[in-house]
Amino acid sequence: NTKIDILTDGLEMGLDYSQTWTCYNGRQHACGKCGACQ
């Protein structure tokens, strides 16, 4: 499955994705530019 599919499944489970961190940089906010963020 794609990351899109994973998120679809998680949203259907009602998961709160504010409880996750994806960005490769560890700053206060996600960078939005690295591959993981994109």
Full PDB file with SEQRES, HELIX, SHEET, SSBOND, CRYST1, ORIGX, SCALE, CONECT and MASTER records, all heavy atoms in Angstrom:
SEQRES   1 A   38  ASN THR LYS ILE ASP ILE LEU THR ASP GLY LEU GLU MET          
SEQRES   2 A   38  GLY LEU ASP TYR SER GLN THR TRP THR CYS TYR ASN GLY          
SEQRES   3 A   38  ARG GLN HIS ALA CYS GLY LYS CYS GLY ALA CYS GLN              
HELIX    1 AA1 LYS A    3  GLU A   12  1                                  10    
HELIX    2 AA2 TYR A   17  GLN A   19  5                                   3    
CRYST1    1.000    1.000    1.000  90.00  90.00  90.00 P 1           1          
ORIGX1      1.000000  0.000000  0.000000        0.00000                         
ORIGX2      0.000000  1.000000  0.000000        0.00000                         
ORIGX3      0.000000  0.000000  1.000000        0.00000                         
SCALE1      1.000000  0.000000  0.000000        0.00000                         
SCALE2      0.000000  1.000000  0.000000        0.00000                         
SCALE3      0.000000  0.000000  1.000000        0.00000                         
ATOM      1  N   ASN A   1       0.833  -1.200   0.000  1.00  0.00           N  
ATOM      2  CA  ASN A   1       0.000   0.000   0.000  1.00  0.00           C  
ATOM      3  C   ASN A   1       0.866   1.248   0.000  1.00  0.00           C  
ATOM      4  O   ASN A   1       2.022   1.213   0.400  1.00  0.00           O  
ATOM      5  CB  ASN A   1      -0.909   0.026   1.236  1.00  0.00           C  
ATOM      6  CG  ASN A   1      -1.831  -1.164   1.321  1.00  0.00           C  
ATOM      7  OD1 ASN A   1      -1.620  -2.072   2.107  1.00  0.00           O  
ATOM      8  ND2 ASN A   1      -2.870  -1.169   0.495  1.00  0.00           N  
ATOM      9  N   THR A   2       0.290   2.354  -0.421  1.00  0.00           N  
ATOM     10  CA  THR A   2       0.997   3.623  -0.401  1.00  0.00           C  
ATOM     11  C   THR A   2       0.788   4.319   0.950  1.00  0.00           C  
ATOM     12  O   THR A   2      -0.057   3.916   1.752  1.00  0.00           O  
ATOM     13  CB  THR A   2       0.479   4.559  -1.501  1.00  0.00           C  
ATOM     14  OG1 THR A   2      -0.886   4.916  -1.200  1.00  0.00           O  
ATOM     15  CG2 THR A   2       0.555   3.904  -2.869  1.00  0.00           C  
ATOM     16  N   LYS A   3       1.555   5.386   1.165  1.00  0.00           N  
ATOM     17  CA  LYS A   3       1.359   6.186   2.371  1.00  0.00           C  
ATOM     18  C   LYS A   3      -0.044   6.797   2.373  1.00  0.00           C  
ATOM     19  O   LYS A   3      -0.642   6.983   3.436  1.00  0.00           O  
ATOM     20  CB  LYS A   3       2.416   7.282   2.451  1.00  0.00           C  
ATOM     21  CG  LYS A   3       2.638   7.834   3.852  1.00  0.00           C  
ATOM     22  CD  LYS A   3       3.719   8.884   3.853  1.00  0.00           C  
ATOM     23  CE  LYS A   3       4.261   9.163   5.242  1.00  0.00           C  
ATOM     24  NZ  LYS A   3       5.229   8.149   5.692  1.00  0.00           N  
ATOM     25  N   ILE A   4      -0.548   7.091   1.196  1.00  0.00           N  
ATOM     26  CA  ILE A   4      -1.911   7.605   1.078  1.00  0.00           C  
ATOM     27  C   ILE A   4      -2.899   6.584   1.627  1.00  0.00           C  
ATOM     28  O   ILE A   4      -3.811   6.916   2.390  1.00  0.00           O  
ATOM     29  CB  ILE A   4      -2.234   7.936  -0.392  1.00  0.00           C  
ATOM     30  CG1 ILE A   4      -1.267   9.006  -0.916  1.00  0.00           C  
ATOM     31  CG2 ILE A   4      -3.679   8.390  -0.552  1.00  0.00           C  
ATOM     32  CD1 ILE A   4      -1.139   9.031  -2.417  1.00  0.00           C  
ATOM     33  N   ASP A   5      -2.703   5.307   1.250  1.00  0.00           N  
ATOM     34  CA  ASP A   5      -3.579   4.228   1.729  1.00  0.00           C  
ATOM     35  C   ASP A   5      -3.467   4.060   3.250  1.00  0.00           C  
ATOM     36  O   ASP A   5      -4.467   3.813   3.930  1.00  0.00           O  
ATOM     37  CB  ASP A   5      -3.204   2.901   1.071  1.00  0.00           C  
ATOM     38  CG  ASP A   5      -3.350   2.908  -0.438  1.00  0.00           C  
ATOM     39  OD1 ASP A   5      -4.239   3.622  -0.937  1.00  0.00           O  
ATOM     40  OD2 ASP A   5      -2.573   2.215  -1.115  1.00  0.00           O  
ATOM     41  N   ILE A   6      -2.240   4.177   3.759  1.00  0.00           N  
ATOM     42  CA  ILE A   6      -2.032   4.044   5.202  1.00  0.00           C  
ATOM     43  C   ILE A   6      -2.809   5.117   5.940  1.00  0.00           C  
ATOM     44  O   ILE A   6      -3.512   4.845   6.933  1.00  0.00           O  
ATOM     45  CB  ILE A   6      -0.531   4.138   5.548  1.00  0.00           C  
ATOM     46  CG1 ILE A   6       0.236   2.956   4.961  1.00  0.00           C  
ATOM     47  CG2 ILE A   6      -0.323   4.205   7.060  1.00  0.00           C  
ATOM     48  CD1 ILE A   6       1.748   3.064   5.115  1.00  0.00           C  
ATOM     49  N   LEU A   7      -2.707   6.352   5.453  1.00  0.00           N  
ATOM     50  CA  LEU A   7      -3.423   7.447   6.099  1.00  0.00           C  
ATOM     51  C   LEU A   7      -4.937   7.256   5.976  1.00  0.00           C  
ATOM     52  O   LEU A   7      -5.678   7.511   6.942  1.00  0.00           O  
ATOM     53  CB  LEU A   7      -3.011   8.784   5.482  1.00  0.00           C  
ATOM     54  CG  LEU A   7      -3.668  10.026   6.097  1.00  0.00           C  
ATOM     55  CD1 LEU A   7      -3.351  10.145   7.580  1.00  0.00           C  
ATOM     56  CD2 LEU A   7      -3.229  11.284   5.354  1.00  0.00           C  
ATOM     57  N   THR A   8      -5.396   6.790   4.829  1.00  0.00           N  
ATOM     58  CA  THR A   8      -6.824   6.518   4.663  1.00  0.00           C  
ATOM     59  C   THR A   8      -7.310   5.548   5.723  1.00  0.00           C  
ATOM     60  O   THR A   8      -8.349   5.767   6.363  1.00  0.00           O  
ATOM     61  CB  THR A   8      -7.109   5.933   3.260  1.00  0.00           C  
ATOM     62  OG1 THR A   8      -6.674   6.853   2.259  1.00  0.00           O  
ATOM     63  CG2 THR A   8      -8.592   5.649   3.073  1.00  0.00           C  
ATOM     64  N   ASP A   9      -6.548   4.475   5.921  1.00  0.00           N  
ATOM     65  CA  ASP A   9      -6.906   3.470   6.920  1.00  0.00           C  
ATOM     66  C   ASP A   9      -6.897   4.077   8.323  1.00  0.00           C  
ATOM     67  O   ASP A   9      -7.807   3.849   9.126  1.00  0.00           O  
ATOM     68  CB  ASP A   9      -5.934   2.287   6.839  1.00  0.00           C  
ATOM     69  CG  ASP A   9      -6.461   1.034   7.521  1.00  0.00           C  
ATOM     70  OD1 ASP A   9      -7.694   0.909   7.662  1.00  0.00           O  
ATOM     71  OD2 ASP A   9      -5.644   0.190   7.918  1.00  0.00           O  
ATOM     72  N   GLY A  10      -5.860   4.859   8.610  1.00  0.00           N  
ATOM     73  CA  GLY A  10      -5.761   5.473   9.930  1.00  0.00           C  
ATOM     74  C   GLY A  10      -6.879   6.456  10.210  1.00  0.00           C  
ATOM     75  O   GLY A  10      -7.431   6.493  11.323  1.00  0.00           O  
ATOM     76  N   LEU A  11      -7.241   7.258   9.217  1.00  0.00           N  
ATOM     77  CA  LEU A  11      -8.334   8.209   9.395  1.00  0.00           C  
ATOM     78  C   LEU A  11      -9.655   7.480   9.599  1.00  0.00           C  
ATOM     79  O   LEU A  11     -10.504   7.911  10.394  1.00  0.00           O  
ATOM     80  CB  LEU A  11      -8.421   9.146   8.185  1.00  0.00           C  
ATOM     81  CG  LEU A  11      -7.245  10.124   8.017  1.00  0.00           C  
ATOM     82  CD1 LEU A  11      -7.366  10.882   6.696  1.00  0.00           C  
ATOM     83  CD2 LEU A  11      -7.163  11.104   9.192  1.00  0.00           C  
ATOM     84  N   GLU A  12      -9.816   6.349   8.907  1.00  0.00           N  
ATOM     85  CA  GLU A  12     -11.031   5.545   9.112  1.00  0.00           C  
ATOM     86  C   GLU A  12     -11.070   4.952  10.520  1.00  0.00           C  
ATOM     87  O   GLU A  12     -12.154   4.732  11.073  1.00  0.00           O  
ATOM     88  CB  GLU A  12     -11.108   4.429   8.065  1.00  0.00           C  
ATOM     89  CG  GLU A  12     -11.437   4.943   6.671  1.00  0.00           C  
ATOM     90  CD  GLU A  12     -11.411   3.865   5.609  1.00  0.00           C  
ATOM     91  OE1 GLU A  12     -11.014   2.711   5.926  1.00  0.00           O  
ATOM     92  OE2 GLU A  12     -11.788   4.162   4.447  1.00  0.00           O  
ATOM     93  N   MET A  13      -9.886   4.723  11.122  1.00  0.00           N  
ATOM     94  CA  MET A  13      -9.820   4.259  12.506  1.00  0.00           C  
ATOM     95  C   MET A  13      -9.975   5.407  13.500  1.00  0.00           C  
ATOM     96  O   MET A  13     -10.030   5.188  14.706  1.00  0.00           O  
ATOM     97  CB  MET A  13      -8.478   3.544  12.769  1.00  0.00           C  
ATOM     98  CG  MET A  13      -8.369   2.163  12.172  1.00  0.00           C  
ATOM     99  SD  MET A  13      -6.882   1.285  12.781  1.00  0.00           S  
ATOM    100  CE  MET A  13      -5.617   1.905  11.665  1.00  0.00           C  
ATOM    101  N   GLY A  14     -10.010   6.643  12.986  1.00  0.00           N  
ATOM    102  CA  GLY A  14     -10.157   7.798  13.854  1.00  0.00           C  
ATOM    103  C   GLY A  14      -8.879   8.196  14.567  1.00  0.00           C  
ATOM    104  O   GLY A  14      -8.924   8.819  15.637  1.00  0.00           O  
ATOM    105  N   LEU A  15      -7.726   7.874  13.986  1.00  0.00           N  
ATOM    106  CA  LEU A  15      -6.459   8.147  14.646  1.00  0.00           C  
ATOM    107  C   LEU A  15      -6.108   9.634  14.597  1.00  0.00           C  
ATOM    108  O   LEU A  15      -6.437  10.335  13.636  1.00  0.00           O  
ATOM    109  CB  LEU A  15      -5.339   7.330  13.993  1.00  0.00           C  
ATOM    110  CG  LEU A  15      -5.498   5.809  14.012  1.00  0.00           C  
ATOM    111  CD1 LEU A  15      -4.240   5.146  13.452  1.00  0.00           C  
ATOM    112  CD2 LEU A  15      -5.779   5.301  15.423  1.00  0.00           C  
ATOM    113  N   ASP A  16      -5.415  10.072  15.628  1.00  0.00           N  
ATOM    114  CA  ASP A  16      -5.003  11.468  15.751  1.00  0.00           C  
ATOM    115  C   ASP A  16      -3.541  11.590  15.345  1.00  0.00           C  
ATOM    116  O   ASP A  16      -2.642  11.217  16.089  1.00  0.00           O  
ATOM    117  CB  ASP A  16      -5.194  11.929  17.202  1.00  0.00           C  
ATOM    118  CG  ASP A  16      -4.715  13.356  17.428  1.00  0.00           C  
ATOM    119  OD1 ASP A  16      -4.374  14.044  16.441  1.00  0.00           O  
ATOM    120  OD2 ASP A  16      -4.687  13.779  18.604  1.00  0.00           O  
ATOM    121  N   TYR A  17      -3.299  12.132  14.149  1.00  0.00           N  
ATOM    122  CA  TYR A  17      -1.936  12.193  13.625  1.00  0.00           C  
ATOM    123  C   TYR A  17      -1.133  13.381  14.150  1.00  0.00           C  
ATOM    124  O   TYR A  17       0.020  13.554  13.764  1.00  0.00           O  
ATOM    125  CB  TYR A  17      -1.959  12.155  12.101  1.00  0.00           C  
ATOM    126  CG  TYR A  17      -2.229  10.760  11.593  1.00  0.00           C  
ATOM    127  CD1 TYR A  17      -3.529  10.354  11.281  1.00  0.00           C  
ATOM    128  CD2 TYR A  17      -1.202   9.828  11.483  1.00  0.00           C  
ATOM    129  CE1 TYR A  17      -3.782   9.053  10.850  1.00  0.00           C  
ATOM    130  CE2 TYR A  17      -1.447   8.535  11.057  1.00  0.00           C  
ATOM    131  CZ  TYR A  17      -2.740   8.158  10.742  1.00  0.00           C  
ATOM    132  OH  TYR A  17      -2.973   6.872  10.330  1.00  0.00           O  
ATOM    133  N   SER A  18      -1.729  14.153  15.056  1.00  0.00           N  
ATOM    134  CA  SER A  18      -0.927  15.149  15.763  1.00  0.00           C  
ATOM    135  C   SER A  18       0.022  14.451  16.734  1.00  0.00           C  
ATOM    136  O   SER A  18       0.963  15.063  17.235  1.00  0.00           O  
ATOM    137  CB  SER A  18      -1.826  16.137  16.517  1.00  0.00           C  
ATOM    138  OG  SER A  18      -2.468  15.507  17.621  1.00  0.00           O  
ATOM    139  N   GLN A  19      -0.206  13.155  16.976  1.00  0.00           N  
ATOM    140  CA  GLN A  19       0.619  12.367  17.881  1.00  0.00           C  
ATOM    141  C   GLN A  19       1.738  11.638  17.128  1.00  0.00           C  
ATOM    142  O   GLN A  19       2.204  10.578  17.551  1.00  0.00           O  
ATOM    143  CB  GLN A  19      -0.247  11.345  18.633  1.00  0.00           C  
ATOM    144  CG  GLN A  19      -1.336  11.978  19.477  1.00  0.00           C  
ATOM    145  CD  GLN A  19      -2.189  10.959  20.192  1.00  0.00           C  
ATOM    146  OE1 GLN A  19      -1.753   9.857  20.505  1.00  0.00           O  
ATOM    147  NE2 GLN A  19      -3.434  11.313  20.464  1.00  0.00           N  
ATOM    148  N   THR A  20       2.168  12.209  16.000  1.00  0.00           N  
ATOM    149  CA  THR A  20       3.233  11.601  15.202  1.00  0.00           C  
ATOM    150  C   THR A  20       4.236  12.670  14.796  1.00  0.00           C  
ATOM    151  O   THR A  20       3.931  13.862  14.803  1.00  0.00           O  
ATOM    152  CB  THR A  20       2.671  10.944  13.919  1.00  0.00           C  
ATOM    153  OG1 THR A  20       2.085  11.949  13.082  1.00  0.00           O  
ATOM    154  CG2 THR A  20       1.605   9.903  14.254  1.00  0.00           C  
ATOM    155  N   TRP A  21       5.419  12.211  14.407  1.00  0.00           N  
ATOM    156  CA  TRP A  21       6.441  13.117  13.866  1.00  0.00           C  
ATOM    157  C   TRP A  21       7.101  12.431  12.691  1.00  0.00           C  
ATOM    158  O   TRP A  21       7.542  11.285  12.789  1.00  0.00           O  
ATOM    159  CB  TRP A  21       7.491  13.466  14.912  1.00  0.00           C  
ATOM    160  CG  TRP A  21       8.502  14.463  14.401  1.00  0.00           C  
ATOM    161  CD1 TRP A  21       9.739  14.187  13.886  1.00  0.00           C  
ATOM    162  CD2 TRP A  21       8.341  15.879  14.316  1.00  0.00           C  
ATOM    163  NE1 TRP A  21      10.361  15.349  13.489  1.00  0.00           N  
ATOM    164  CE2 TRP A  21       9.527  16.411  13.745  1.00  0.00           C  
ATOM    165  CE3 TRP A  21       7.319  16.752  14.658  1.00  0.00           C  
ATOM    166  CZ2 TRP A  21       9.709  17.763  13.513  1.00  0.00           C  
ATOM    167  CZ3 TRP A  21       7.494  18.114  14.432  1.00  0.00           C  
ATOM    168  CH2 TRP A  21       8.678  18.603  13.872  1.00  0.00           C  
ATOM    169  N   THR A  22       7.171  13.127  11.553  1.00  0.00           N  
ATOM    170  CA  THR A  22       7.686  12.547  10.324  1.00  0.00           C  
ATOM    171  C   THR A  22       8.943  13.249   9.818  1.00  0.00           C  
ATOM    172  O   THR A  22       9.821  12.618   9.230  1.00  0.00           O  
ATOM    173  CB  THR A  22       6.588  12.597   9.229  1.00  0.00           C  
ATOM    174  OG1 THR A  22       5.452  11.852   9.675  1.00  0.00           O  
ATOM    175  CG2 THR A  22       7.086  12.024   7.917  1.00  0.00           C  
ATOM    176  N   CYS A  23       9.051  14.547  10.040  1.00  0.00           N  
ATOM    177  CA  CYS A  23      10.128  15.364   9.462  1.00  0.00           C  
ATOM    178  C   CYS A  23      11.514  14.835   9.830  1.00  0.00           C  
ATOM    179  O   CYS A  23      11.763  14.441  10.969  1.00  0.00           O  
ATOM    180  CB  CYS A  23       9.968  16.801   9.942  1.00  0.00           C  
ATOM    181  SG  CYS A  23      11.184  17.944   9.247  1.00  0.00           S  
ATOM    182  N   TYR A  24      12.414  14.831   8.847  1.00  0.00           N  
ATOM    183  CA  TYR A  24      13.782  14.384   9.086  1.00  0.00           C  
ATOM    184  C   TYR A  24      14.570  15.363   9.964  1.00  0.00           C  
ATOM    185  O   TYR A  24      15.608  15.018  10.509  1.00  0.00           O  
ATOM    186  CB  TYR A  24      14.519  14.205   7.761  1.00  0.00           C  
ATOM    187  CG  TYR A  24      14.140  12.956   7.009  1.00  0.00           C  
ATOM    188  CD1 TYR A  24      14.117  12.941   5.616  1.00  0.00           C  
ATOM    189  CD2 TYR A  24      13.820  11.776   7.678  1.00  0.00           C  
ATOM    190  CE1 TYR A  24      13.791  11.796   4.910  1.00  0.00           C  
ATOM    191  CE2 TYR A  24      13.484  10.640   6.989  1.00  0.00           C  
ATOM    192  CZ  TYR A  24      13.473  10.650   5.604  1.00  0.00           C  
ATOM    193  OH  TYR A  24      13.151   9.510   4.910  1.00  0.00           O  
ATOM    194  N   ASN A  25      14.070  16.599  10.055  1.00  0.00           N  
ATOM    195  CA  ASN A  25      14.709  17.585  10.921  1.00  0.00           C  
ATOM    196  C   ASN A  25      13.971  17.624  12.261  1.00  0.00           C  
ATOM    197  O   ASN A  25      12.765  17.440  12.302  1.00  0.00           O  
ATOM    198  CB  ASN A  25      14.668  18.972  10.267  1.00  0.00           C  
ATOM    199  CG  ASN A  25      15.466  19.011   8.968  1.00  0.00           C  
ATOM    200  OD1 ASN A  25      16.684  18.888   8.987  1.00  0.00           O  
ATOM    201  ND2 ASN A  25      14.786  19.155   7.840  1.00  0.00           N  
ATOM    202  N   GLY A  26      14.686  17.864  13.317  1.00  0.00           N  
ATOM    203  CA  GLY A  26      14.090  17.793  14.649  1.00  0.00           C  
ATOM    204  C   GLY A  26      13.796  19.140  15.264  1.00  0.00           C  
ATOM    205  O   GLY A  26      13.877  19.299  16.478  1.00  0.00           O  
ATOM    206  N   ARG A  27      13.439  20.099  14.428  1.00  0.00           N  
ATOM    207  CA  ARG A  27      13.157  21.431  14.947  1.00  0.00           C  
ATOM    208  C   ARG A  27      11.753  21.479  15.575  1.00  0.00           C  
ATOM    209  O   ARG A  27      11.040  20.485  15.571  1.00  0.00           O  
ATOM    210  CB  ARG A  27      13.305  22.457  13.823  1.00  0.00           C  
ATOM    211  CG  ARG A  27      14.722  22.483  13.227  1.00  0.00           C  
ATOM    212  CD  ARG A  27      14.928  23.653  12.280  1.00  0.00           C  
ATOM    213  NE  ARG A  27      14.245  23.512  11.019  1.00  0.00           N  
ATOM    214  CZ  ARG A  27      14.820  23.020   9.913  1.00  0.00           C  
ATOM    215  NH1 ARG A  27      16.067  22.574   9.937  1.00  0.00           N  
ATOM    216  NH2 ARG A  27      14.141  22.960   8.773  1.00  0.00           N  
ATOM    217  N   GLN A  28      11.394  22.640  16.092  1.00  0.00           N  
ATOM    218  CA  GLN A  28      10.113  22.759  16.787  1.00  0.00           C  
ATOM    219  C   GLN A  28       8.943  22.427  15.869  1.00  0.00           C  
ATOM    220  O   GLN A  28       7.990  21.756  16.263  1.00  0.00           O  
ATOM    221  CB  GLN A  28       9.946  24.166  17.361  1.00  0.00           C  
ATOM    222  CG  GLN A  28       8.649  24.344  18.158  1.00  0.00           C  
ATOM    223  CD  GLN A  28       8.525  25.726  18.774  1.00  0.00           C  
ATOM    224  OE1 GLN A  28       9.394  26.575  18.600  1.00  0.00           O  
ATOM    225  NE2 GLN A  28       7.430  25.966  19.483  1.00  0.00           N  
ATOM    226  N   HIS A  29       9.018  22.905  14.632  1.00  0.00           N  
ATOM    227  CA  HIS A  29       7.988  22.627  13.644  1.00  0.00           C  
ATOM    228  C   HIS A  29       8.585  21.821  12.489  1.00  0.00           C  
ATOM    229  O   HIS A  29       9.789  21.899  12.227  1.00  0.00           O  
ATOM    230  CB  HIS A  29       7.391  23.932  13.110  1.00  0.00           C  
ATOM    231  CG  HIS A  29       6.658  24.721  14.137  1.00  0.00           C  
ATOM    232  ND1 HIS A  29       6.415  26.076  13.993  1.00  0.00           N  
ATOM    233  CD2 HIS A  29       6.128  24.370  15.324  1.00  0.00           C  
ATOM    234  CE1 HIS A  29       5.751  26.518  15.051  1.00  0.00           C  
ATOM    235  NE2 HIS A  29       5.564  25.490  15.877  1.00  0.00           N  
ATOM    236  N   ALA A  30       7.740  21.055  11.812  1.00  0.00           N  
ATOM    237  CA  ALA A  30       8.190  20.296  10.640  1.00  0.00           C  
ATOM    238  C   ALA A  30       8.606  21.247   9.528  1.00  0.00           C  
ATOM    239  O   ALA A  30       8.017  22.322   9.366  1.00  0.00           O  
ATOM    240  CB  ALA A  30       7.079  19.368  10.166  1.00  0.00           C  
ATOM    241  N   CYS A  31       9.620  20.842   8.734  1.00  0.00           N  
ATOM    242  CA  CYS A  31      10.160  21.755   7.719  1.00  0.00           C  
ATOM    243  C   CYS A  31       9.256  21.888   6.504  1.00  0.00           C  
ATOM    244  O   CYS A  31       9.215  22.927   5.851  1.00  0.00           O  
ATOM    245  CB  CYS A  31      11.564  21.313   7.298  1.00  0.00           C  
ATOM    246  SG  CYS A  31      11.618  19.828   6.254  1.00  0.00           S  
ATOM    247  N   GLY A  32       8.527  20.821   6.155  1.00  0.00           N  
ATOM    248  CA  GLY A  32       7.650  20.851   4.991  1.00  0.00           C  
ATOM    249  C   GLY A  32       8.373  20.709   3.664  1.00  0.00           C  
ATOM    250  O   GLY A  32       7.741  20.698   2.606  1.00  0.00           O  
ATOM    251  N   LYS A  33       9.710  20.579   3.700  1.00  0.00           N  
ATOM    252  CA  LYS A  33      10.492  20.557   2.466  1.00  0.00           C  
ATOM    253  C   LYS A  33      11.219  19.229   2.224  1.00  0.00           C  
ATOM    254  O   LYS A  33      11.505  18.897   1.075  1.00  0.00           O  
ATOM    255  CB  LYS A  33      11.514  21.691   2.495  1.00  0.00           C  
ATOM    256  CG  LYS A  33      10.887  23.075   2.535  1.00  0.00           C  
ATOM    257  CD  LYS A  33      11.954  24.156   2.623  1.00  0.00           C  
ATOM    258  CE  LYS A  33      11.328  25.548   2.677  1.00  0.00           C  
ATOM    259  NZ  LYS A  33      12.362  26.610   2.804  1.00  0.00           N  
ATOM    260  N   CYS A  34      11.556  18.516   3.286  1.00  0.00           N  
ATOM    261  CA  CYS A  34      12.268  17.240   3.089  1.00  0.00           C  
ATOM    262  C   CYS A  34      11.315  16.221   2.473  1.00  0.00           C  
ATOM    263  O   CYS A  34      10.094  16.403   2.467  1.00  0.00           O  
ATOM    264  CB  CYS A  34      12.839  16.735   4.414  1.00  0.00           C  
ATOM    265  SG  CYS A  34      11.620  16.167   5.629  1.00  0.00           S  
ATOM    266  N   GLY A  35      11.877  15.137   1.958  1.00  0.00           N  
ATOM    267  CA  GLY A  35      11.062  14.128   1.286  1.00  0.00           C  
ATOM    268  C   GLY A  35       9.997  13.538   2.180  1.00  0.00           C  
ATOM    269  O   GLY A  35       8.869  13.272   1.742  1.00  0.00           O  
ATOM    270  N   ALA A  36      10.338  13.325   3.461  1.00  0.00           N  
ATOM    271  CA  ALA A  36       9.375  12.740   4.393  1.00  0.00           C  
ATOM    272  C   ALA A  36       8.180  13.661   4.590  1.00  0.00           C  
ATOM    273  O   ALA A  36       7.024  13.221   4.599  1.00  0.00           O  
ATOM    274  CB  ALA A  36      10.059  12.449   5.725  1.00  0.00           C  
ATOM    275  N   CYS A  37       8.455  14.961   4.755  1.00  0.00           N  
ATOM    276  CA  CYS A  37       7.370  15.936   4.908  1.00  0.00           C  
ATOM    277  C   CYS A  37       6.519  16.004   3.643  1.00  0.00           C  
ATOM    278  O   CYS A  37       5.281  16.050   3.713  1.00  0.00           O  
ATOM    279  CB  CYS A  37       7.941  17.315   5.211  1.00  0.00           C  
ATOM    280  SG  CYS A  37       8.413  17.588   6.943  1.00  0.00           S  
ATOM    281  N   GLN A  38       7.168  16.028   2.492  1.00  0.00           N  
ATOM    282  CA  GLN A  38       6.425  16.170   1.249  1.00  0.00           C  
ATOM    283  C   GLN A  38       5.500  14.979   1.011  1.00  0.00           C  
ATOM    284  O   GLN A  38       4.358  15.143   0.579  1.00  0.00           O  
ATOM    285  CB  GLN A  38       7.392  16.350   0.080  1.00  0.00           C  
ATOM    286  CG  GLN A  38       8.098  17.693   0.103  1.00  0.00           C  
ATOM    287  CD  GLN A  38       8.532  18.150  -1.276  1.00  0.00           C  
ATOM    288  OE1 GLN A  38       8.286  17.493  -2.282  1.00  0.00           O  
ATOM    289  NE2 GLN A  38       9.188  19.291  -1.323  1.00  0.00           N  
TER     290      GLN A  38                                                      
MASTER        0    0    0    2    0    0    0    6  289    1    0    3          
END                                                                             
